[in-house]
């Protein structure tokens, strides 16, 4: 099953995450390359908090999706960091999410190449991440 995440969905997610974070003491916003970069820039503007090029203590660290945890797990122990994703395929434990979906869904974000998403999905599955 493929889910198309629209720009409208993205804007709603940015608003949701900004509201959850507006009272936190955040040292900067870091977006996991590549998927988290759009979200980090949007939140940086929305919250008027600087965009940072590497994760630091008390940062807001964001990504587009939590699937296997490989990406965020490496940053999990950064002192005081808060973690948000637009979509999580697992019930959040130490991270937060805007949207929880079925692990079998393939998500196509609006900044991705719509014509190549089937190829991206095939490569992902070949790496052993089959739903």
N, C-alpha and C. Protein backbone atom coordinates (compact mmCIF):
# COMPACT_ATOMS: atom_id res chain seq x y z
N UNK A 1 0.84 -1.18 0.00
CA UNK A 1 0.00 0.00 0.00
C UNK A 1 0.89 1.25 0.00
N UNK A 2 0.55 2.22 -0.83
CA UNK A 2 1.31 3.46 -0.92
C UNK A 2 0.45 4.60 -0.40
N UNK A 3 1.06 5.43 0.44
CA UNK A 3 0.41 6.63 0.97
C UNK A 3 1.14 7.85 0.45
N UNK A 4 0.39 8.77 -0.13
CA UNK A 4 0.97 10.01 -0.62
C UNK A 4 0.74 11.09 0.44
N UNK A 5 1.83 11.59 1.00
CA UNK A 5 1.81 12.63 2.02
C UNK A 5 1.89 13.97 1.29
N UNK A 6 0.85 14.78 1.37
CA UNK A 6 0.76 16.01 0.58
C UNK A 6 1.44 17.19 1.28
N UNK A 7 1.58 18.29 0.55
CA UNK A 7 2.10 19.53 1.16
C UNK A 7 1.15 20.01 2.25
N UNK A 8 -0.13 19.81 2.07
CA UNK A 8 -1.10 20.17 3.10
C UNK A 8 -0.88 19.33 4.36
N UNK A 9 -0.65 18.03 4.19
CA UNK A 9 -0.33 17.15 5.32
C UNK A 9 0.95 17.63 6.01
N UNK A 10 1.92 18.02 5.21
CA UNK A 10 3.19 18.52 5.74
C UNK A 10 2.95 19.77 6.58
N UNK A 11 2.20 20.72 6.06
CA UNK A 11 1.92 21.95 6.79
C UNK A 11 1.21 21.67 8.12
N UNK A 12 0.28 20.74 8.10
CA UNK A 12 -0.43 20.35 9.33
C UNK A 12 0.55 19.72 10.32
N UNK A 13 1.45 18.89 9.82
CA UNK A 13 2.46 18.27 10.68
C UNK A 13 3.41 19.29 11.29
N UNK A 14 3.82 20.28 10.50
CA UNK A 14 4.70 21.35 11.01
C UNK A 14 3.99 22.11 12.12
N UNK A 15 2.75 22.44 11.90
CA UNK A 15 1.96 23.16 12.91
C UNK A 15 1.85 22.34 14.20
N UNK A 16 1.56 21.06 14.06
CA UNK A 16 1.42 20.16 15.21
C UNK A 16 2.73 20.10 16.00
N UNK A 17 3.84 19.85 15.32
CA UNK A 17 5.13 19.73 16.00
C UNK A 17 5.53 21.07 16.63
N UNK A 18 5.31 22.17 15.93
CA UNK A 18 5.64 23.49 16.48
C UNK A 18 4.86 23.76 17.76
N UNK A 19 3.59 23.40 17.78
CA UNK A 19 2.79 23.58 18.99
C UNK A 19 3.27 22.73 20.15
N UNK A 20 3.75 21.54 19.86
CA UNK A 20 4.28 20.66 20.91
C UNK A 20 5.62 21.15 21.45
N UNK A 21 6.35 21.91 20.64
CA UNK A 21 7.72 22.31 20.99
C UNK A 21 7.86 23.78 21.39
N UNK A 22 6.82 24.57 21.26
CA UNK A 22 6.96 26.01 21.41
C UNK A 22 7.41 26.47 22.79
N UNK A 23 7.25 25.65 23.83
CA UNK A 23 7.68 26.06 25.17
C UNK A 23 8.96 25.35 25.63
N UNK A 24 9.55 24.55 24.74
CA UNK A 24 10.79 23.86 25.08
C UNK A 24 11.98 24.80 24.91
N UNK A 25 13.01 24.58 25.68
CA UNK A 25 14.28 25.32 25.52
C UNK A 25 15.09 24.56 24.48
N UNK A 26 15.08 25.06 23.25
CA UNK A 26 15.72 24.38 22.12
C UNK A 26 16.93 25.19 21.67
N UNK A 27 18.08 24.52 21.57
CA UNK A 27 19.32 25.19 21.17
C UNK A 27 19.45 25.35 19.65
N UNK A 28 18.69 24.60 18.90
CA UNK A 28 18.72 24.64 17.45
C UNK A 28 17.90 23.49 16.90
N UNK A 29 17.64 23.52 15.60
CA UNK A 29 16.87 22.47 14.95
C UNK A 29 17.76 21.78 13.92
N UNK A 30 17.85 20.46 14.05
CA UNK A 30 18.66 19.66 13.15
C UNK A 30 17.76 18.69 12.40
N UNK A 31 17.87 18.68 11.07
CA UNK A 31 17.12 17.75 10.24
C UNK A 31 18.02 16.67 9.70
N UNK A 32 17.60 15.42 9.88
CA UNK A 32 18.35 14.28 9.35
C UNK A 32 18.36 14.38 7.83
N UNK A 33 19.56 14.40 7.20
CA UNK A 33 19.59 14.44 5.74
C UNK A 33 19.05 13.12 5.17
N UNK A 34 18.32 13.10 4.21
CA UNK A 34 17.69 14.08 3.39
C UNK A 34 16.28 14.36 3.85
N UNK A 35 15.58 13.35 4.31
CA UNK A 35 14.16 13.50 4.61
C UNK A 35 13.81 14.52 5.68
N UNK A 36 14.67 14.72 6.65
CA UNK A 36 14.36 15.64 7.73
C UNK A 36 14.66 17.09 7.43
N UNK A 37 15.34 17.36 6.32
CA UNK A 37 15.76 18.73 6.03
C UNK A 37 14.58 19.68 5.77
N UNK A 38 13.60 19.24 4.99
CA UNK A 38 12.43 20.10 4.72
C UNK A 38 11.71 20.43 6.02
N UNK A 39 11.53 19.43 6.86
CA UNK A 39 10.86 19.63 8.14
C UNK A 39 11.66 20.56 9.04
N UNK A 40 12.96 20.39 9.09
CA UNK A 40 13.80 21.24 9.94
C UNK A 40 13.73 22.70 9.50
N UNK A 41 13.79 22.96 8.21
CA UNK A 41 13.71 24.33 7.71
C UNK A 41 12.35 24.95 8.05
N UNK A 42 11.28 24.21 7.82
CA UNK A 42 9.94 24.73 8.11
C UNK A 42 9.78 25.03 9.60
N UNK A 43 10.27 24.14 10.46
CA UNK A 43 10.17 24.37 11.90
C UNK A 43 11.07 25.52 12.36
N UNK A 44 12.22 25.66 11.72
CA UNK A 44 13.11 26.76 12.05
C UNK A 44 12.41 28.10 11.81
N UNK A 45 11.73 28.21 10.69
CA UNK A 45 10.98 29.44 10.39
C UNK A 45 9.80 29.60 11.35
N UNK A 46 9.06 28.54 11.57
CA UNK A 46 7.84 28.60 12.40
C UNK A 46 8.16 28.97 13.84
N UNK A 47 9.22 28.38 14.39
CA UNK A 47 9.57 28.60 15.80
C UNK A 47 10.60 29.72 15.99
N UNK A 48 11.13 30.23 14.88
CA UNK A 48 12.18 31.26 14.93
C UNK A 48 13.38 30.77 15.76
N UNK A 49 13.80 29.56 15.45
CA UNK A 49 14.95 28.92 16.10
C UNK A 49 15.93 28.56 14.99
N UNK A 50 17.21 28.78 15.25
CA UNK A 50 18.21 28.57 14.20
C UNK A 50 18.28 27.11 13.75
N UNK A 51 18.54 26.96 12.47
CA UNK A 51 18.80 25.67 11.85
C UNK A 51 20.27 25.35 12.09
N UNK A 52 20.58 24.15 12.53
CA UNK A 52 21.96 23.79 12.83
C UNK A 52 22.42 22.67 11.91
N UNK A 53 23.74 22.61 11.69
CA UNK A 53 24.28 21.64 10.73
C UNK A 53 24.71 20.33 11.35
N UNK A 54 24.67 20.25 12.67
CA UNK A 54 24.95 18.98 13.34
C UNK A 54 24.16 18.96 14.65
N UNK A 55 23.82 17.77 15.12
CA UNK A 55 23.04 17.68 16.35
C UNK A 55 23.88 18.10 17.56
N UNK A 56 23.27 18.87 18.46
CA UNK A 56 23.93 19.36 19.67
C UNK A 56 23.00 19.15 20.86
N UNK A 57 23.52 19.25 22.08
CA UNK A 57 22.64 19.12 23.25
C UNK A 57 21.47 20.11 23.18
N UNK A 58 20.33 19.65 23.66
CA UNK A 58 19.08 20.43 23.73
C UNK A 58 18.52 20.81 22.36
N UNK A 59 18.94 20.12 21.31
CA UNK A 59 18.42 20.38 19.96
C UNK A 59 17.08 19.68 19.76
N UNK A 60 16.35 20.19 18.81
CA UNK A 60 15.19 19.49 18.28
C UNK A 60 15.69 18.77 17.04
N UNK A 61 15.63 17.45 17.04
CA UNK A 61 16.13 16.63 15.94
C UNK A 61 14.93 16.01 15.25
N UNK A 62 14.83 16.24 13.93
CA UNK A 62 13.64 15.82 13.19
C UNK A 62 14.00 15.00 11.96
N UNK A 63 13.04 14.17 11.58
CA UNK A 63 13.17 13.37 10.36
C UNK A 63 11.78 13.19 9.76
N UNK A 64 11.74 12.73 8.52
CA UNK A 64 10.45 12.55 7.87
C UNK A 64 9.72 11.32 8.38
N UNK A 65 10.46 10.21 8.57
CA UNK A 65 9.79 8.96 8.94
C UNK A 65 10.67 8.13 9.86
N UNK A 66 10.03 7.45 10.80
CA UNK A 66 10.70 6.46 11.65
C UNK A 66 10.21 5.10 11.17
N UNK A 67 11.12 4.35 10.54
CA UNK A 67 10.78 3.02 10.04
C UNK A 67 11.48 1.95 10.86
N UNK A 68 12.78 1.89 10.74
CA UNK A 68 13.57 0.87 11.43
C UNK A 68 14.26 1.43 12.66
N UNK A 69 14.39 2.74 12.73
CA UNK A 69 15.08 3.39 13.85
C UNK A 69 16.56 3.56 13.62
N UNK A 70 17.08 3.03 12.50
CA UNK A 70 18.52 3.09 12.25
C UNK A 70 19.07 4.52 12.31
N UNK A 71 18.35 5.45 11.74
CA UNK A 71 18.85 6.82 11.66
C UNK A 71 18.82 7.54 13.00
N UNK A 72 17.69 7.53 13.66
CA UNK A 72 17.57 8.27 14.93
C UNK A 72 18.28 7.59 16.09
N UNK A 73 18.37 6.27 16.08
CA UNK A 73 19.02 5.56 17.19
C UNK A 73 20.45 6.02 17.43
N UNK A 74 21.15 6.39 16.36
CA UNK A 74 22.53 6.85 16.51
C UNK A 74 22.63 8.17 17.27
N UNK A 75 21.55 8.93 17.32
CA UNK A 75 21.54 10.24 17.96
C UNK A 75 20.79 10.25 19.28
N UNK A 76 20.25 9.14 19.64
CA UNK A 76 19.35 9.02 20.79
C UNK A 76 19.91 9.55 22.10
N UNK A 77 21.20 9.44 22.31
CA UNK A 77 21.79 9.80 23.60
C UNK A 77 22.33 11.22 23.68
N UNK A 78 21.95 12.07 22.75
CA UNK A 78 22.38 13.47 22.81
C UNK A 78 21.65 14.14 23.97
N UNK A 79 22.40 14.72 24.85
CA UNK A 79 21.86 15.29 26.08
C UNK A 79 20.77 16.32 25.81
N UNK A 80 19.60 16.10 26.37
CA UNK A 80 18.51 17.05 26.31
C UNK A 80 17.81 17.18 24.97
N UNK A 81 18.18 16.37 23.99
CA UNK A 81 17.57 16.48 22.66
C UNK A 81 16.13 15.97 22.68
N UNK A 82 15.32 16.56 21.84
CA UNK A 82 13.94 16.12 21.61
C UNK A 82 13.86 15.64 20.17
N UNK A 83 13.10 14.58 19.93
CA UNK A 83 13.03 13.94 18.62
C UNK A 83 11.58 13.90 18.13
N UNK A 84 11.39 14.36 16.90
CA UNK A 84 10.07 14.31 16.25
C UNK A 84 10.22 13.80 14.83
N UNK A 85 9.22 13.04 14.39
CA UNK A 85 9.13 12.62 13.00
C UNK A 85 7.72 12.94 12.51
N UNK A 86 7.59 13.12 11.20
CA UNK A 86 6.26 13.34 10.64
C UNK A 86 5.42 12.07 10.73
N UNK A 87 6.06 10.94 10.40
CA UNK A 87 5.35 9.66 10.38
C UNK A 87 6.20 8.60 11.07
N UNK A 88 5.56 7.81 11.91
CA UNK A 88 6.23 6.69 12.55
C UNK A 88 5.50 5.40 12.18
N UNK A 89 6.29 4.38 11.86
CA UNK A 89 5.72 3.07 11.57
C UNK A 89 5.75 2.16 12.79
N UNK A 90 6.21 2.71 13.90
CA UNK A 90 6.23 1.99 15.18
C UNK A 90 5.67 2.91 16.24
N UNK A 91 5.10 2.32 17.27
CA UNK A 91 4.60 3.11 18.39
C UNK A 91 5.78 3.83 19.03
N UNK A 92 5.72 5.16 19.14
CA UNK A 92 6.85 5.91 19.71
C UNK A 92 7.11 5.55 21.17
N UNK A 93 8.37 5.48 21.51
CA UNK A 93 8.75 5.26 22.90
C UNK A 93 9.55 6.47 23.39
N UNK A 94 10.70 6.73 22.80
CA UNK A 94 11.53 7.87 23.21
C UNK A 94 11.47 9.01 22.20
N UNK A 95 10.82 8.84 21.07
CA UNK A 95 10.64 9.88 20.06
C UNK A 95 9.15 10.23 20.00
N UNK A 96 8.82 11.29 19.27
CA UNK A 96 7.44 11.74 19.11
C UNK A 96 7.09 11.74 17.63
N UNK A 97 5.79 11.63 17.34
CA UNK A 97 5.37 11.60 15.95
C UNK A 97 4.10 12.40 15.74
N UNK A 98 3.95 12.91 14.54
CA UNK A 98 2.72 13.58 14.12
C UNK A 98 1.69 12.54 13.72
N UNK A 99 2.14 11.45 13.08
CA UNK A 99 1.23 10.48 12.51
C UNK A 99 1.80 9.07 12.66
N UNK A 100 1.00 8.15 13.15
CA UNK A 100 1.39 6.74 13.29
C UNK A 100 0.65 5.95 12.22
N UNK A 101 1.40 5.19 11.41
CA UNK A 101 0.77 4.42 10.34
C UNK A 101 1.19 2.96 10.40
N UNK A 102 0.54 2.17 9.58
CA UNK A 102 0.84 0.75 9.45
C UNK A 102 2.24 0.56 8.88
N UNK A 103 2.99 -0.36 9.44
CA UNK A 103 4.37 -0.58 8.98
C UNK A 103 4.46 -1.05 7.54
N UNK A 104 3.38 -1.55 6.97
CA UNK A 104 3.40 -2.03 5.59
C UNK A 104 3.22 -0.94 4.56
N UNK A 105 2.89 0.27 5.00
CA UNK A 105 2.65 1.36 4.05
C UNK A 105 3.97 1.96 3.57
N UNK A 106 4.01 2.27 2.29
CA UNK A 106 5.14 2.99 1.70
C UNK A 106 4.69 4.43 1.56
N UNK A 107 5.49 5.36 2.06
CA UNK A 107 5.11 6.77 2.05
C UNK A 107 5.87 7.50 0.96
N UNK A 108 5.16 8.30 0.20
CA UNK A 108 5.77 9.17 -0.80
C UNK A 108 5.53 10.60 -0.34
N UNK A 109 6.62 11.30 -0.03
CA UNK A 109 6.54 12.69 0.44
C UNK A 109 6.51 13.63 -0.75
N UNK A 110 5.97 14.84 -0.56
CA UNK A 110 5.81 15.75 -1.71
C UNK A 110 7.12 16.24 -2.32
N UNK A 111 8.21 16.19 -1.58
CA UNK A 111 9.49 16.64 -2.12
C UNK A 111 10.23 15.53 -2.87
N UNK A 112 9.67 14.33 -2.85
CA UNK A 112 10.31 13.23 -3.56
C UNK A 112 9.92 13.23 -5.03
N UNK A 113 10.73 12.58 -5.83
CA UNK A 113 10.45 12.45 -7.24
C UNK A 113 9.31 11.45 -7.42
N UNK A 114 8.13 11.94 -7.74
CA UNK A 114 6.95 11.10 -7.85
C UNK A 114 7.10 10.00 -8.89
N UNK A 115 7.88 10.25 -9.94
CA UNK A 115 8.04 9.26 -11.00
C UNK A 115 8.95 8.11 -10.56
N UNK A 116 9.81 8.35 -9.59
CA UNK A 116 10.78 7.33 -9.20
C UNK A 116 10.44 6.61 -7.89
N UNK A 117 9.30 6.89 -7.31
CA UNK A 117 9.02 6.28 -6.01
C UNK A 117 8.96 4.76 -6.05
N UNK A 118 8.51 4.18 -7.15
CA UNK A 118 8.47 2.71 -7.24
C UNK A 118 9.89 2.13 -7.24
N UNK A 119 10.82 2.80 -7.91
CA UNK A 119 12.21 2.36 -7.91
C UNK A 119 12.81 2.49 -6.50
N UNK A 120 12.52 3.61 -5.82
CA UNK A 120 12.99 3.80 -4.45
C UNK A 120 12.44 2.71 -3.53
N UNK A 121 11.17 2.40 -3.69
CA UNK A 121 10.54 1.36 -2.87
C UNK A 121 11.18 0.00 -3.14
N UNK A 122 11.46 -0.30 -4.39
CA UNK A 122 12.10 -1.57 -4.75
C UNK A 122 13.49 -1.68 -4.12
N UNK A 123 14.29 -0.60 -4.19
CA UNK A 123 15.63 -0.60 -3.59
C UNK A 123 15.55 -0.81 -2.08
N UNK A 124 14.59 -0.16 -1.46
CA UNK A 124 14.39 -0.29 -0.01
C UNK A 124 14.08 -1.76 0.35
N UNK A 125 13.19 -2.37 -0.40
CA UNK A 125 12.83 -3.77 -0.14
C UNK A 125 13.99 -4.71 -0.39
N UNK A 126 14.81 -4.42 -1.38
CA UNK A 126 15.97 -5.28 -1.69
C UNK A 126 17.01 -5.23 -0.57
N UNK A 127 17.03 -4.14 0.20
CA UNK A 127 17.97 -4.04 1.32
C UNK A 127 17.47 -4.82 2.54
N UNK A 128 16.36 -5.51 2.39
CA UNK A 128 15.86 -6.35 3.46
C UNK A 128 14.86 -5.68 4.38
N UNK A 129 14.30 -4.57 3.97
CA UNK A 129 13.33 -3.86 4.80
C UNK A 129 11.91 -4.14 4.36
N UNK A 130 11.65 -5.36 3.98
CA UNK A 130 10.31 -5.69 3.49
C UNK A 130 9.30 -5.57 4.62
N UNK A 131 8.12 -5.05 4.29
CA UNK A 131 7.06 -4.90 5.30
C UNK A 131 6.64 -6.23 5.89
